[in-house]
Amino acid sequence: MACKYQILKVLESAKKPLALHDIQQKIASRFRQMHETTAISARIRGDVRPIVRANGMDVFSKRAPGKCAHVYWL
């Protein structure tokens, strides 16, 4: 399964906003594949957002409180 679909599945099943390292860990445990957080971030911007928008939703992100990391959710 392509990385973009793995990210999409993880975000769809998330019950709370996820940081990139959380998405990375969930992909590793669910799909037994490891992707760099930089690759995940690029896939969200370039591949996942257009898929989600075509279905009338969006991928949201904001800076996590008190951290430099961003969190993502649908």
Protein backbone atom coordinates (compact mmCIF):
# COMPACT_ATOMS: atom_id res chain seq x y z
CA MET A 1 0.00 0.00 0.00
CA ALA A 2 1.36 3.42 -0.91
CA CYS A 3 2.48 5.75 1.85
CA LYS A 4 -0.27 8.29 1.10
CA TYR A 5 -3.01 5.71 1.65
CA GLN A 6 -1.39 4.52 4.88
CA ILE A 7 -1.33 8.09 6.17
CA LEU A 8 -4.94 8.58 5.12
CA LYS A 9 -6.06 5.40 6.90
CA VAL A 10 -4.22 6.44 10.08
CA LEU A 11 -5.73 9.93 10.06
CA GLU A 12 -9.23 8.56 9.35
CA SER A 13 -9.05 6.20 12.31
CA ALA A 14 -7.49 8.71 14.73
CA LYS A 15 -9.61 9.80 17.66
CA LYS A 16 -7.38 12.82 18.38
CA PRO A 17 -4.91 15.03 16.49
CA LEU A 18 -1.62 13.25 15.77
CA ALA A 19 1.95 14.54 15.55
CA LEU A 20 4.15 13.28 12.72
CA HIS A 21 5.97 10.85 15.01
CA ASP A 22 2.58 9.45 16.15
CA ILE A 23 1.56 8.92 12.52
CA GLN A 24 4.93 7.27 11.88
CA GLN A 25 4.48 4.87 14.81
CA LYS A 26 0.93 3.97 13.85
CA ILE A 27 1.99 3.21 10.26
CA ALA A 28 4.84 1.06 11.57
CA SER A 29 2.58 -0.95 13.88
CA ARG A 30 -0.39 -1.23 11.51
CA PHE A 31 1.35 -1.72 8.16
CA ARG A 32 4.81 -2.90 9.27
CA GLN A 33 6.52 -0.20 7.23
CA MET A 34 8.69 2.69 8.36
CA HIS A 35 8.53 6.11 6.74
CA GLU A 36 10.53 9.19 7.71
CA THR A 37 8.55 11.99 9.34
CA THR A 38 9.74 14.36 6.59
CA ALA A 39 8.25 12.02 3.97
CA ILE A 40 4.98 11.82 5.91
CA SER A 41 4.80 15.62 6.10
CA ALA A 42 5.45 15.95 2.36
CA ARG A 43 2.83 13.30 1.54
CA ILE A 44 0.24 15.08 3.68
CA ARG A 45 0.88 18.37 1.84
CA GLY A 46 1.21 16.95 -1.66
CA ASP A 47 -0.86 13.77 -1.87
CA VAL A 48 -3.25 13.35 1.06
CA ARG A 49 -4.82 16.84 1.12
CA PRO A 50 -6.05 16.67 -2.51
CA ILE A 51 -7.62 13.24 -1.90
CA VAL A 52 -9.34 14.42 1.26
CA ARG A 53 -10.53 17.68 -0.34
CA ALA A 54 -12.02 15.77 -3.25
CA ASN A 55 -14.22 14.05 -0.66
CA GLY A 56 -15.37 17.35 0.84
CA MET A 57 -13.11 17.33 3.93
CA ASP A 58 -9.71 18.78 4.78
CA VAL A 59 -6.53 17.91 6.67
CA PHE A 60 -6.09 20.42 9.47
CA SER A 61 -2.90 21.19 11.32
CA LYS A 62 -1.81 23.44 14.14
CA ARG A 63 1.15 23.78 16.43
CA ALA A 64 0.88 21.50 19.44
CA PRO A 65 0.53 23.49 22.67
CA GLY A 66 3.96 24.15 24.17
CA LYS A 67 5.81 22.24 21.45
CA CYS A 68 7.49 22.93 18.11
CA ALA A 69 5.65 20.01 16.50
CA HIS A 70 2.42 20.28 14.54
CA VAL A 71 -0.54 17.95 14.95
CA TYR A 72 -2.78 16.78 12.11
CA TRP A 73 -6.42 15.64 11.92
CA LEU A 74 -9.28 15.33 9.45
